[in-house]
């Protein structure tokens, strides 16, 4: 990639929109009693954290692929836009109940690697 297109990748946006709509369903689950509401909230949080960790790991594996020989500055910029979009998704509280920036921490390794790649 010679140059970034100035926005997050289409595949990533599709995935985030899918996750957002999927997690929205969790907020509409019936809560006949407190135990059920508590249980559905924990299931939603676990699913959301797992999805964010999986997304982060998958993006990291793209960078660490042994077949990858060279990364253009445009690809690094595009990767940065994708990481920003992931961070925005995490900070949008797709599932209520996370403490502080817990969900954003799923993407901290990507942010750190991205900073390092920009230095070089």
PDB file of N, CA and C in Angstrom:
ATOM      1  N   UNK A   1       0.850  -1.170   0.000  1.00  0.00           N
ATOM      2  CA  UNK A   1       0.000   0.000   0.000  1.00  0.00           C
ATOM      3  C   UNK A   1       0.897   1.234   0.000  1.00  0.00           C
ATOM      4  N   UNK A   2       0.770   2.017  -1.021  1.00  0.00           N
ATOM      5  CA  UNK A   2       1.600   3.213  -1.126  1.00  0.00           C
ATOM      6  C   UNK A   2       1.120   4.316  -0.192  1.00  0.00           C
ATOM      7  N   UNK A   3      -0.194   4.395  -0.013  1.00  0.00           N
ATOM      8  CA  UNK A   3      -0.753   5.497   0.753  1.00  0.00           C
ATOM      9  C   UNK A   3      -2.042   5.058   1.437  1.00  0.00           C
ATOM     10  N   UNK A   4      -2.275   5.568   2.629  1.00  0.00           N
ATOM     11  CA  UNK A   4      -3.508   5.292   3.356  1.00  0.00           C
ATOM     12  C   UNK A   4      -4.669   5.987   2.645  1.00  0.00           C
ATOM     13  N   UNK A   5      -5.864   5.416   2.757  1.00  0.00           N
ATOM     14  CA  UNK A   5      -7.012   6.068   2.130  1.00  0.00           C
ATOM     15  C   UNK A   5      -7.712   7.049   3.073  1.00  0.00           C
ATOM     16  N   UNK A   6      -7.147   7.254   4.262  1.00  0.00           N
ATOM     17  CA  UNK A   6      -7.653   8.276   5.169  1.00  0.00           C
ATOM     18  C   UNK A   6      -8.799   7.849   6.063  1.00  0.00           C
ATOM     19  N   UNK A   7      -9.170   6.592   6.010  1.00  0.00           N
ATOM     20  CA  UNK A   7     -10.239   6.085   6.885  1.00  0.00           C
ATOM     21  C   UNK A   7      -9.942   4.623   7.206  1.00  0.00           C
ATOM     22  N   UNK A   8     -10.604   4.127   8.221  1.00  0.00           N
ATOM     23  CA  UNK A   8     -10.395   2.732   8.630  1.00  0.00           C
ATOM     24  C   UNK A   8     -10.796   1.791   7.502  1.00  0.00           C
ATOM     25  N   UNK A   9     -10.198   0.625   7.479  1.00  0.00           N
ATOM     26  CA  UNK A   9     -10.466  -0.381   6.456  1.00  0.00           C
ATOM     27  C   UNK A   9     -11.938  -0.786   6.464  1.00  0.00           C
ATOM     28  N   UNK A  10     -12.468  -1.034   5.284  1.00  0.00           N
ATOM     29  CA  UNK A  10     -13.865  -1.413   5.146  1.00  0.00           C
ATOM     30  C   UNK A  10     -14.210  -2.690   5.889  1.00  0.00           C
ATOM     31  N   UNK A  11     -13.314  -3.680   5.804  1.00  0.00           N
ATOM     32  CA  UNK A  11     -13.580  -4.947   6.493  1.00  0.00           C
ATOM     33  C   UNK A  11     -13.659  -4.742   7.995  1.00  0.00           C
ATOM     34  N   UNK A  12     -12.824  -3.843   8.527  1.00  0.00           N
ATOM     35  CA  UNK A  12     -12.818  -3.587   9.960  1.00  0.00           C
ATOM     36  C   UNK A  12     -14.100  -2.860  10.374  1.00  0.00           C
ATOM     37  N   UNK A  13     -14.520  -1.904   9.559  1.00  0.00           N
ATOM     38  CA  UNK A  13     -15.755  -1.176   9.855  1.00  0.00           C
ATOM     39  C   UNK A  13     -16.955  -2.123   9.825  1.00  0.00           C
ATOM     40  N   UNK A  14     -16.973  -3.044   8.849  1.00  0.00           N
ATOM     41  CA  UNK A  14     -18.055  -4.033   8.789  1.00  0.00           C
ATOM     42  C   UNK A  14     -18.066  -4.896  10.049  1.00  0.00           C
ATOM     43  N   UNK A  15     -16.893  -5.309  10.487  1.00  0.00           N
ATOM     44  CA  UNK A  15     -16.795  -6.131  11.689  1.00  0.00           C
ATOM     45  C   UNK A  15     -17.266  -5.361  12.922  1.00  0.00           C
ATOM     46  N   UNK A  16     -16.835  -4.136  13.055  1.00  0.00           N
ATOM     47  CA  UNK A  16     -17.227  -3.324  14.215  1.00  0.00           C
ATOM     48  C   UNK A  16     -18.734  -3.074  14.207  1.00  0.00           C
ATOM     49  N   UNK A  17     -19.299  -2.806  13.050  1.00  0.00           N
ATOM     50  CA  UNK A  17     -20.753  -2.616  12.974  1.00  0.00           C
ATOM     51  C   UNK A  17     -21.495  -3.895  13.350  1.00  0.00           C
ATOM     52  N   UNK A  18     -20.978  -5.041  12.903  1.00  0.00           N
ATOM     53  CA  UNK A  18     -21.568  -6.328  13.282  1.00  0.00           C
ATOM     54  C   UNK A  18     -21.498  -6.521  14.791  1.00  0.00           C
ATOM     55  N   UNK A  19     -20.324  -6.264  15.384  1.00  0.00           N
ATOM     56  CA  UNK A  19     -20.169  -6.426  16.827  1.00  0.00           C
ATOM     57  C   UNK A  19     -21.093  -5.481  17.587  1.00  0.00           C
ATOM     58  N   UNK A  20     -21.164  -4.253  17.137  1.00  0.00           N
ATOM     59  CA  UNK A  20     -22.018  -3.262  17.800  1.00  0.00           C
ATOM     60  C   UNK A  20     -23.479  -3.731  17.813  1.00  0.00           C
ATOM     61  N   UNK A  21     -23.975  -4.199  16.658  1.00  0.00           N
ATOM     62  CA  UNK A  21     -25.369  -4.645  16.603  1.00  0.00           C
ATOM     63  C   UNK A  21     -25.568  -5.932  17.407  1.00  0.00           C
ATOM     64  N   UNK A  22     -24.581  -6.804  17.414  1.00  0.00           N
ATOM     65  CA  UNK A  22     -24.682  -8.040  18.187  1.00  0.00           C
ATOM     66  C   UNK A  22     -24.735  -7.738  19.680  1.00  0.00           C
ATOM     67  N   UNK A  23     -23.874  -6.856  20.140  1.00  0.00           N
ATOM     68  CA  UNK A  23     -23.858  -6.536  21.570  1.00  0.00           C
ATOM     69  C   UNK A  23     -25.071  -5.715  21.981  1.00  0.00           C
ATOM     70  N   UNK A  24     -25.652  -5.013  21.055  1.00  0.00           N
ATOM     71  CA  UNK A  24     -26.866  -4.258  21.353  1.00  0.00           C
ATOM     72  C   UNK A  24     -28.005  -5.214  21.712  1.00  0.00           C
ATOM     73  N   UNK A  25     -28.005  -6.399  21.101  1.00  0.00           N
ATOM     74  CA  UNK A  25     -29.016  -7.407  21.415  1.00  0.00           C
ATOM     75  C   UNK A  25     -28.936  -7.794  22.892  1.00  0.00           C
ATOM     76  N   UNK A  26     -27.722  -7.869  23.431  1.00  0.00           N
ATOM     77  CA  UNK A  26     -27.564  -8.232  24.836  1.00  0.00           C
ATOM     78  C   UNK A  26     -28.254  -7.237  25.760  1.00  0.00           C
ATOM     79  N   UNK A  27     -28.287  -5.972  25.374  1.00  0.00           N
ATOM     80  CA  UNK A  27     -28.916  -4.970  26.237  1.00  0.00           C
ATOM     81  C   UNK A  27     -30.434  -5.070  26.203  1.00  0.00           C
ATOM     82  N   UNK A  28     -30.979  -5.812  25.240  1.00  0.00           N
ATOM     83  CA  UNK A  28     -32.426  -5.961  25.136  1.00  0.00           C
ATOM     84  C   UNK A  28     -32.922  -7.327  25.610  1.00  0.00           C
ATOM     85  N   UNK A  29     -32.039  -8.095  26.204  1.00  0.00           N
ATOM     86  CA  UNK A  29     -32.475  -9.377  26.749  1.00  0.00           C
ATOM     87  C   UNK A  29     -33.432  -9.133  27.904  1.00  0.00           C
ATOM     88  N   UNK A  30     -34.426  -9.972  28.040  1.00  0.00           N
ATOM     89  CA  UNK A  30     -35.366  -9.784  29.160  1.00  0.00           C
ATOM     90  C   UNK A  30     -34.657  -9.963  30.493  1.00  0.00           C
ATOM     91  N   UNK A  31     -35.079  -9.184  31.453  1.00  0.00           N
ATOM     92  CA  UNK A  31     -34.497  -9.321  32.793  1.00  0.00           C
ATOM     93  C   UNK A  31     -35.626  -9.468  33.804  1.00  0.00           C
ATOM     94  N   UNK A  32     -36.143 -10.691  33.877  1.00  0.00           N
ATOM     95  CA  UNK A  32     -37.260 -10.980  34.768  1.00  0.00           C
ATOM     96  C   UNK A  32     -36.876 -10.885  36.236  1.00  0.00           C
ATOM     97  N   UNK A  33     -35.646 -11.173  36.528  1.00  0.00           N
ATOM     98  CA  UNK A  33     -35.180 -11.036  37.906  1.00  0.00           C
ATOM     99  C   UNK A  33     -33.733 -10.558  37.892  1.00  0.00           C
ATOM    100  N   UNK A  34     -33.253 -10.176  39.040  1.00  0.00           N
ATOM    101  CA  UNK A  34     -31.902  -9.610  39.127  1.00  0.00           C
ATOM    102  C   UNK A  34     -30.818 -10.602  38.745  1.00  0.00           C
ATOM    103  N   UNK A  35     -31.021 -11.885  39.064  1.00  0.00           N
ATOM    104  CA  UNK A  35     -30.017 -12.893  38.722  1.00  0.00           C
ATOM    105  C   UNK A  35     -29.861 -12.989  37.212  1.00  0.00           C
ATOM    106  N   UNK A  36     -30.977 -12.975  36.503  1.00  0.00           N
ATOM    107  CA  UNK A  36     -30.929 -13.071  35.041  1.00  0.00           C
ATOM    108  C   UNK A  36     -30.262 -11.835  34.440  1.00  0.00           C
ATOM    109  N   UNK A  37     -30.601 -10.658  34.945  1.00  0.00           N
ATOM    110  CA  UNK A  37     -29.994  -9.422  34.431  1.00  0.00           C
ATOM    111  C   UNK A  37     -28.496  -9.414  34.672  1.00  0.00           C
ATOM    112  N   UNK A  38     -28.107  -9.852  35.873  1.00  0.00           N
ATOM    113  CA  UNK A  38     -26.689  -9.911  36.200  1.00  0.00           C
ATOM    114  C   UNK A  38     -25.968 -10.906  35.303  1.00  0.00           C
ATOM    115  N   UNK A  39     -26.598 -12.056  35.076  1.00  0.00           N
ATOM    116  CA  UNK A  39     -25.993 -13.101  34.235  1.00  0.00           C
ATOM    117  C   UNK A  39     -25.859 -12.634  32.794  1.00  0.00           C
ATOM    118  N   UNK A  40     -26.893 -12.014  32.226  1.00  0.00           N
ATOM    119  CA  UNK A  40     -26.811 -11.573  30.832  1.00  0.00           C
ATOM    120  C   UNK A  40     -25.780 -10.455  30.687  1.00  0.00           C
ATOM    121  N   UNK A  41     -25.633  -9.612  31.713  1.00  0.00           N
ATOM    122  CA  UNK A  41     -24.621  -8.563  31.676  1.00  0.00           C
ATOM    123  C   UNK A  41     -23.218  -9.132  31.668  1.00  0.00           C
ATOM    124  N   UNK A  42     -22.995 -10.156  32.465  1.00  0.00           N
ATOM    125  CA  UNK A  42     -21.670 -10.780  32.520  1.00  0.00           C
ATOM    126  C   UNK A  42     -21.359 -11.530  31.228  1.00  0.00           C
ATOM    127  N   UNK A  43     -22.358 -12.179  30.664  1.00  0.00           N
ATOM    128  CA  UNK A  43     -22.167 -12.869  29.389  1.00  0.00           C
ATOM    129  C   UNK A  43     -21.811 -11.855  28.310  1.00  0.00           C
ATOM    130  N   UNK A  44     -22.521 -10.741  28.287  1.00  0.00           N
ATOM    131  CA  UNK A  44     -22.255  -9.693  27.296  1.00  0.00           C
ATOM    132  C   UNK A  44     -20.848  -9.134  27.466  1.00  0.00           C
ATOM    133  N   UNK A  45     -20.438  -8.875  28.702  1.00  0.00           N
ATOM    134  CA  UNK A  45     -19.098  -8.346  28.950  1.00  0.00           C
ATOM    135  C   UNK A  45     -18.020  -9.338  28.533  1.00  0.00           C
ATOM    136  N   UNK A  46     -18.224 -10.597  28.863  1.00  0.00           N
ATOM    137  CA  UNK A  46     -17.251 -11.622  28.490  1.00  0.00           C
ATOM    138  C   UNK A  46     -17.152 -11.749  26.979  1.00  0.00           C
ATOM    139  N   UNK A  47     -18.288 -11.759  26.307  1.00  0.00           N
ATOM    140  CA  UNK A  47     -18.299 -11.869  24.849  1.00  0.00           C
ATOM    141  C   UNK A  47     -17.625 -10.660  24.207  1.00  0.00           C
ATOM    142  N   UNK A  48     -17.895  -9.490  24.726  1.00  0.00           N
ATOM    143  CA  UNK A  48     -17.316  -8.263  24.174  1.00  0.00           C
ATOM    144  C   UNK A  48     -15.800  -8.235  24.380  1.00  0.00           C
ATOM    145  N   UNK A  49     -15.347  -8.570  25.584  1.00  0.00           N
ATOM    146  CA  UNK A  49     -13.913  -8.582  25.856  1.00  0.00           C
ATOM    147  C   UNK A  49     -13.224  -9.631  24.998  1.00  0.00           C
ATOM    148  N   UNK A  50     -13.836 -10.786  24.857  1.00  0.00           N
ATOM    149  CA  UNK A  50     -13.252 -11.846  24.026  1.00  0.00           C
ATOM    150  C   UNK A  50     -13.143 -11.413  22.577  1.00  0.00           C
ATOM    151  N   UNK A  51     -14.173 -10.758  22.075  1.00  0.00           N
ATOM    152  CA  UNK A  51     -14.159 -10.284  20.689  1.00  0.00           C
ATOM    153  C   UNK A  51     -13.069  -9.241  20.484  1.00  0.00           C
ATOM    154  N   UNK A  52     -12.933  -8.316  21.426  1.00  0.00           N
ATOM    155  CA  UNK A  52     -11.898  -7.279  21.302  1.00  0.00           C
ATOM    156  C   UNK A  52     -10.501  -7.883  21.385  1.00  0.00           C
ATOM    157  N   UNK A  53     -10.303  -8.832  22.277  1.00  0.00           N
ATOM    158  CA  UNK A  53      -8.989  -9.489  22.375  1.00  0.00           C
ATOM    159  C   UNK A  53      -8.679 -10.271  21.105  1.00  0.00           C
ATOM    160  N   UNK A  54      -9.684 -10.944  20.558  1.00  0.00           N
ATOM    161  CA  UNK A  54      -9.479 -11.697  19.322  1.00  0.00           C
ATOM    162  C   UNK A  54      -9.135 -10.753  18.170  1.00  0.00           C
ATOM    163  N   UNK A  55      -9.836  -9.647  18.078  1.00  0.00           N
ATOM    164  CA  UNK A  55      -9.562  -8.659  17.037  1.00  0.00           C
ATOM    165  C   UNK A  55      -8.148  -8.112  17.180  1.00  0.00           C
ATOM    166  N   UNK A  56      -7.761  -7.777  18.390  1.00  0.00           N
ATOM    167  CA  UNK A  56      -6.424  -7.263  18.648  1.00  0.00           C
ATOM    168  C   UNK A  56      -5.352  -8.287  18.274  1.00  0.00           C
ATOM    169  N   UNK A  57      -5.564  -9.534  18.679  1.00  0.00           N
ATOM    170  CA  UNK A  57      -4.609 -10.595  18.367  1.00  0.00           C
ATOM    171  C   UNK A  57      -4.502 -10.814  16.861  1.00  0.00           C
ATOM    172  N   UNK A  58      -5.631 -10.786  16.180  1.00  0.00           N
ATOM    173  CA  UNK A  58      -5.627 -10.989  14.724  1.00  0.00           C
ATOM    174  C   UNK A  58      -4.874  -9.871  14.008  1.00  0.00           C
ATOM    175  N   UNK A  59      -5.082  -8.644  14.438  1.00  0.00           N
ATOM    176  CA  UNK A  59      -4.357  -7.523  13.823  1.00  0.00           C
ATOM    177  C   UNK A  59      -2.857  -7.624  14.117  1.00  0.00           C
ATOM    178  N   UNK A  60      -2.513  -8.028  15.328  1.00  0.00           N
ATOM    179  CA  UNK A  60      -1.102  -8.173  15.683  1.00  0.00           C
ATOM    180  C   UNK A  60      -0.454  -9.271  14.844  1.00  0.00           C
ATOM    181  N   UNK A  61      -1.174 -10.363  14.620  1.00  0.00           N
ATOM    182  CA  UNK A  61      -0.632 -11.454  13.825  1.00  0.00           C
ATOM    183  C   UNK A  61      -0.382 -11.026  12.384  1.00  0.00           C
ATOM    184  N   UNK A  62      -1.179 -10.085  11.895  1.00  0.00           N
ATOM    185  CA  UNK A  62      -0.932  -9.561  10.546  1.00  0.00           C
ATOM    186  C   UNK A  62       0.448  -8.914  10.479  1.00  0.00           C
ATOM    187  N   UNK A  63       0.809  -8.188  11.524  1.00  0.00           N
ATOM    188  CA  UNK A  63       2.114  -7.524  11.560  1.00  0.00           C
ATOM    189  C   UNK A  63       3.256  -8.507  11.755  1.00  0.00           C
ATOM    190  N   UNK A  64       3.004  -9.565  12.503  1.00  0.00           N
ATOM    191  CA  UNK A  64       4.056 -10.512  12.856  1.00  0.00           C
ATOM    192  C   UNK A  64       4.158 -11.697  11.906  1.00  0.00           C
ATOM    193  N   UNK A  65       3.376 -11.688  10.851  1.00  0.00           N
ATOM    194  CA  UNK A  65       3.382 -12.783   9.881  1.00  0.00           C
ATOM    195  C   UNK A  65       4.785 -12.956   9.306  1.00  0.00           C
ATOM    196  N   UNK A  66       5.289 -14.173   9.340  1.00  0.00           N
ATOM    197  CA  UNK A  66       6.646 -14.450   8.864  1.00  0.00           C
ATOM    198  C   UNK A  66       6.782 -14.239   7.357  1.00  0.00           C
ATOM    199  N   UNK A  67       5.678 -14.261   6.645  1.00  0.00           N
ATOM    200  CA  UNK A  67       5.704 -14.028   5.198  1.00  0.00           C
ATOM    201  C   UNK A  67       5.825 -12.535   4.861  1.00  0.00           C
ATOM    202  N   UNK A  68       5.570 -11.691   5.835  1.00  0.00           N
ATOM    203  CA  UNK A  68       5.634 -10.250   5.633  1.00  0.00           C
ATOM    204  C   UNK A  68       7.092  -9.805   5.612  1.00  0.00           C
ATOM    205  N   UNK A  69       7.528  -9.263   4.505  1.00  0.00           N
ATOM    206  CA  UNK A  69       8.936  -8.871   4.361  1.00  0.00           C
ATOM    207  C   UNK A  69       9.141  -7.364   4.489  1.00  0.00           C
ATOM    208  N   UNK A  70       8.105  -6.601   4.169  1.00  0.00           N
ATOM    209  CA  UNK A  70       8.259  -5.153   4.163  1.00  0.00           C
ATOM    210  C   UNK A  70       6.898  -4.515   4.405  1.00  0.00           C
ATOM    211  N   UNK A  71       6.904  -3.384   5.114  1.00  0.00           N
ATOM    212  CA  UNK A  71       5.668  -2.638   5.367  1.00  0.00           C
ATOM    213  C   UNK A  71       5.888  -1.208   4.899  1.00  0.00           C
ATOM    214  N   UNK A  72       5.009  -0.752   4.034  1.00  0.00           N
ATOM    215  CA  UNK A  72       5.135   0.623   3.539  1.00  0.00           C
ATOM    216  C   UNK A  72       4.611   1.611   4.582  1.00  0.00           C
ATOM    217  N   UNK A  73       4.995   2.859   4.422  1.00  0.00           N
ATOM    218  CA  UNK A  73       4.512   3.902   5.320  1.00  0.00           C
ATOM    219  C   UNK A  73       2.996   4.051   5.193  1.00  0.00           C
ATOM    220  N   UNK A  74       2.468   3.869   3.992  1.00  0.00           N
ATOM    221  CA  UNK A  74       1.024   3.921   3.796  1.00  0.00           C
ATOM    222  C   UNK A  74       0.311   2.824   4.565  1.00  0.00           C
ATOM    223  N   UNK A  75       0.890   1.623   4.597  1.00  0.00           N
ATOM    224  CA  UNK A  75       0.299   0.508   5.343  1.00  0.00           C
ATOM    225  C   UNK A  75       0.333   0.785   6.848  1.00  0.00           C
ATOM    226  N   UNK A  76       1.408   1.389   7.318  1.00  0.00           N
ATOM    227  CA  UNK A  76       1.501   1.747   8.740  1.00  0.00           C
ATOM    228  C   UNK A  76       0.442   2.785   9.086  1.00  0.00           C
ATOM    229  N   UNK A  77       0.268   3.759   8.220  1.00  0.00           N
ATOM    230  CA  UNK A  77      -0.760   4.768   8.455  1.00  0.00           C
ATOM    231  C   UNK A  77      -2.159   4.147   8.449  1.00  0.00           C
ATOM    232  N   UNK A  78      -2.389   3.217   7.518  1.00  0.00           N
ATOM    233  CA  UNK A  78      -3.679   2.532   7.463  1.00  0.00           C
ATOM    234  C   UNK A  78      -3.905   1.706   8.722  1.00  0.00           C
ATOM    235  N   UNK A  79      -2.866   1.027   9.157  1.00  0.00           N
ATOM    236  CA  UNK A  79      -2.948   0.236  10.378  1.00  0.00           C
ATOM    237  C   UNK A  79      -3.297   1.132  11.562  1.00  0.00           C
ATOM    238  N   UNK A  80      -2.693   2.309  11.630  1.00  0.00           N
ATOM    239  CA  UNK A  80      -2.983   3.262  12.692  1.00  0.00           C
ATOM    240  C   UNK A  80      -4.455   3.660  12.678  1.00  0.00           C
ATOM    241  N   UNK A  81      -5.002   3.914  11.496  1.00  0.00           N
ATOM    242  CA  UNK A  81      -6.424   4.266  11.393  1.00  0.00           C
ATOM    243  C   UNK A  81      -7.306   3.118  11.881  1.00  0.00           C
ATOM    244  N   UNK A  82      -6.900   1.897  11.579  1.00  0.00           N
ATOM    245  CA  UNK A  82      -7.659   0.732  12.027  1.00  0.00           C
ATOM    246  C   UNK A  82      -7.591   0.587  13.552  1.00  0.00           C
ATOM    247  N   UNK A  83      -6.421   0.811  14.124  1.00  0.00           N
ATOM    248  CA  UNK A  83      -6.272   0.738  15.581  1.00  0.00           C
ATOM    249  C   UNK A  83      -7.105   1.830  16.247  1.00  0.00           C
ATOM    250  N   UNK A  84      -7.089   3.012  15.688  1.00  0.00           N
ATOM    251  CA  UNK A  84      -7.903   4.112  16.230  1.00  0.00           C
ATOM    252  C   UNK A  84      -9.375   3.719  16.233  1.00  0.00           C
ATOM    253  N   UNK A  85      -9.833   3.109  15.157  1.00  0.00           N
ATOM    254  CA  UNK A  85     -11.232   2.700  15.065  1.00  0.00           C
ATOM    255  C   UNK A  85     -11.559   1.648  16.129  1.00  0.00           C
ATOM    256  N   UNK A  86     -10.644   0.728  16.357  1.00  0.00           N
ATOM    257  CA  UNK A  86     -10.834  -0.282  17.410  1.00  0.00           C
ATOM    258  C   UNK A  86     -10.930   0.396  18.781  1.00  0.00           C
ATOM    259  N   UNK A  87     -10.061   1.357  19.018  1.00  0.00           N
ATOM    260  CA  UNK A  87     -10.071   2.077  20.293  1.00  0.00           C
ATOM    261  C   UNK A  87     -11.362   2.875  20.466  1.00  0.00           C
ATOM    262  N   UNK A  88     -11.842   3.470  19.386  1.00  0.00           N
ATOM    263  CA  UNK A  88     -13.107   4.202  19.456  1.00  0.00           C
ATOM    264  C   UNK A  88     -14.266   3.266  19.772  1.00  0.00           C
ATOM    265  N   UNK A  89     -14.260   2.105  19.147  1.00  0.00           N
ATOM    266  CA  UNK A  89     -15.292   1.117  19.442  1.00  0.00           C
ATOM    267  C   UNK A  89     -15.254   0.743  20.917  1.00  0.00           C
ATOM    268  N   UNK A  90     -14.068   0.451  21.429  1.00  0.00           N
ATOM    269  CA  UNK A  90     -13.939   0.051  22.829  1.00  0.00           C
ATOM    270  C   UNK A  90     -14.375   1.163  23.777  1.00  0.00           C
ATOM    271  N   UNK A  91     -14.056   2.403  23.440  1.00  0.00           N
ATOM    272  CA  UNK A  91     -14.417   3.517  24.321  1.00  0.00           C
ATOM    273  C   UNK A  91     -15.886   3.909  24.209  1.00  0.00           C
ATOM    274  N   UNK A  92     -16.587   3.399  23.191  1.00  0.00           N
ATOM    275  CA  UNK A  92     -18.003   3.737  23.007  1.00  0.00           C
ATOM    276  C   UNK A  92     -18.920   2.946  23.939  1.00  0.00           C
ATOM    277  N   UNK A  93     -18.346   2.104  24.769  1.00  0.00           N
ATOM    278  CA  UNK A  93     -19.087   1.266  25.712  1.00  0.00           C
ATOM    279  C   UNK A  93     -20.163   0.434  24.993  1.00  0.00           C
ATOM    280  N   UNK A  94     -19.701  -0.469  24.101  1.00  0.00           N
ATOM    281  CA  UNK A  94     -20.648  -1.302  23.360  1.00  0.00           C
ATOM    282  C   UNK A  94     -21.461  -2.219  24.272  1.00  0.00           C
ATOM    283  N   UNK A  95     -20.916  -2.504  25.449  1.00  0.00           N
ATOM    284  CA  UNK A  95     -21.617  -3.267  26.478  1.00  0.00           C
ATOM    285  C   UNK A  95     -21.409  -2.517  27.786  1.00  0.00           C
ATOM    286  N   UNK A  96     -22.484  -2.172  28.472  1.00  0.00           N
ATOM    287  CA  UNK A  96     -22.325  -1.439  29.731  1.00  0.00           C
ATOM    288  C   UNK A  96     -21.738  -2.318  30.833  1.00  0.00           C
ATOM    289  N   UNK A  97     -21.074  -1.648  31.772  1.00  0.00           N
ATOM    290  CA  UNK A  97     -20.611  -2.338  32.966  1.00  0.00           C
ATOM    291  C   UNK A  97     -19.117  -2.510  33.095  1.00  0.00           C
ATOM    292  N   UNK A  98     -18.345  -2.128  32.075  1.00  0.00           N
ATOM    293  CA  UNK A  98     -16.893  -2.236  32.195  1.00  0.00           C
ATOM    294  C   UNK A  98     -16.384  -1.108  33.084  1.00  0.00           C
ATOM    295  N   UNK A  99     -15.404  -1.420  33.904  1.00  0.00           N
ATOM    296  CA  UNK A  99     -14.808  -0.425  34.783  1.00  0.00           C
ATOM    297  C   UNK A  99     -13.756   0.380  34.029  1.00  0.00           C
ATOM    298  N   UNK A 100     -13.871   1.681  34.036  1.00  0.00           N
ATOM    299  CA  UNK A 100     -12.873   2.559  33.432  1.00  0.00           C
ATOM    300  C   UNK A 100     -12.573   2.210  31.987  1.00  0.00           C
ATOM    301  N   UNK A 101     -11.272   2.085  31.698  1.00  0.00           N
ATOM    302  CA  UNK A 101     -10.846   1.807  30.327  1.00  0.00           C
ATOM    303  C   UNK A 101     -10.476   0.341  30.122  1.00  0.00           C
ATOM    304  N   UNK A 102     -11.127  -0.546  30.852  1.00  0.00           N
ATOM    305  CA  UNK A 102     -10.820  -1.979  30.786  1.00  0.00           C
ATOM    306  C   UNK A 102     -10.883  -2.507  29.361  1.00  0.00           C
ATOM    307  N   UNK A 103     -11.916  -2.159  28.631  1.00  0.00           N
ATOM    308  CA  UNK A 103     -12.078  -2.679  27.269  1.00  0.00           C
ATOM    309  C   UNK A 103     -11.010  -2.110  26.334  1.00  0.00           C
ATOM    310  N   UNK A 104     -10.638  -0.850  26.513  1.00  0.00           N
ATOM    311  CA  UNK A 104      -9.605  -0.247  25.678  1.00  0.00           C
ATOM    312  C   UNK A 104      -8.253  -0.931  25.861  1.00  0.00           C
ATOM    313  N   UNK A 105      -8.032  -1.518  27.022  1.00  0.00           N
ATOM    314  CA  UNK A 105      -6.760  -2.193  27.284  1.00  0.00           C
ATOM    315  C   UNK A 105      -6.543  -3.398  26.377  1.00  0.00           C
ATOM    316  N   UNK A 106      -7.605  -3.909  25.781  1.00  0.00           N
ATOM    317  CA  UNK A 106      -7.460  -5.023  24.837  1.00  0.00           C
ATOM    318  C   UNK A 106      -6.618  -4.604  23.630  1.00  0.00           C
ATOM    319  N   UNK A 107      -6.552  -3.304  23.359  1.00  0.00           N
ATOM    320  CA  UNK A 107      -5.844  -2.807  22.178  1.00  0.00           C
ATOM    321  C   UNK A 107      -4.534  -2.093  22.511  1.00  0.00           C
ATOM    322  N   UNK A 108      -4.108  -2.140  23.767  1.00  0.00           N
ATOM    323  CA  UNK A 108      -2.913  -1.398  24.182  1.00  0.00           C
ATOM    324  C   UNK A 108      -1.650  -1.907  23.495  1.00  0.00           C
ATOM    325  N   UNK A 109      -1.537  -3.216  23.291  1.00  0.00           N
ATOM    326  CA  UNK A 109      -0.351  -3.752  22.617  1.00  0.00           C
ATOM    327  C   UNK A 109      -0.278  -3.253  21.175  1.00  0.00           C
ATOM    328  N   UNK A 110      -1.421  -3.179  20.508  1.00  0.00           N
ATOM    329  CA  UNK A 110      -1.443  -2.656  19.137  1.00  0.00           C
ATOM    330  C   UNK A 110      -0.999  -1.203  19.101  1.00  0.00           C
ATOM    331  N   UNK A 111      -1.454  -0.426  20.066  1.00  0.00           N
ATOM    332  CA  UNK A 111      -1.086   0.988  20.117  1.00  0.00           C
ATOM    333  C   UNK A 111       0.417   1.118  20.310  1.00  0.00           C
ATOM    334  N   UNK A 112       0.986   0.324  21.207  1.00  0.00           N
ATOM    335  CA  UNK A 112       2.421   0.408  21.467  1.00  0.00           C
ATOM    336  C   UNK A 112       3.232  -0.009  20.248  1.00  0.00           C
ATOM    337  N   UNK A 113       2.835  -1.090  19.587  1.00  0.00           N
ATOM    338  CA  UNK A 113       3.538  -1.540  18.380  1.00  0.00           C
ATOM    339  C   UNK A 113       3.413  -0.484  17.292  1.00  0.00           C
ATOM    340  N   UNK A 114       2.253   0.114  17.195  1.00  0.00           N
ATOM    341  CA  UNK A 114       2.037   1.138  16.176  1.00  0.00           C
ATOM    342  C   UNK A 114       2.959   2.332  16.400  1.00  0.00           C
ATOM    343  N   UNK A 115       3.129   2.744  17.653  1.00  0.00           N
ATOM    344  CA  UNK A 115       4.051   3.840  17.952  1.00  0.00           C
ATOM    345  C   UNK A 115       5.474   3.481  17.531  1.00  0.00           C
ATOM    346  N   UNK A 116       5.862   2.247  17.824  1.00  0.00           N
ATOM    347  CA  UNK A 116       7.214   1.818  17.455  1.00  0.00           C
ATOM    348  C   UNK A 116       7.419   1.811  15.937  1.00  0.00           C
ATOM    349  N   UNK A 117       6.428   1.348  15.196  1.00  0.00           N
ATOM    350  CA  UNK A 117       6.566   1.306  13.746  1.00  0.00           C
ATOM    351  C   UNK A 117       6.631   2.714  13.164  1.00  0.00           C
ATOM    352  N   UNK A 118       5.953   3.652  13.779  1.00  0.00           N
ATOM    353  CA  UNK A 118       5.992   5.026  13.284  1.00  0.00           C
ATOM    354  C   UNK A 118       7.346   5.691  13.547  1.00  0.00           C
ATOM    355  N   UNK A 119       8.048   5.207  14.578  1.00  0.00           N
ATOM    356  CA  UNK A 119       9.369   5.773  14.882  1.00  0.00           C
ATOM    357  C   UNK A 119      10.394   5.432  13.814  1.00  0.00           C
ATOM    358  N   UNK A 120      10.201   4.295  13.168  1.00  0.00           N
ATOM    359  CA  UNK A 120      11.175   3.841  12.183  1.00  0.00           C
ATOM    360  C   UNK A 120      10.726   4.254  10.856  1.00  0.00           C
TER     361      UNK A 120
END
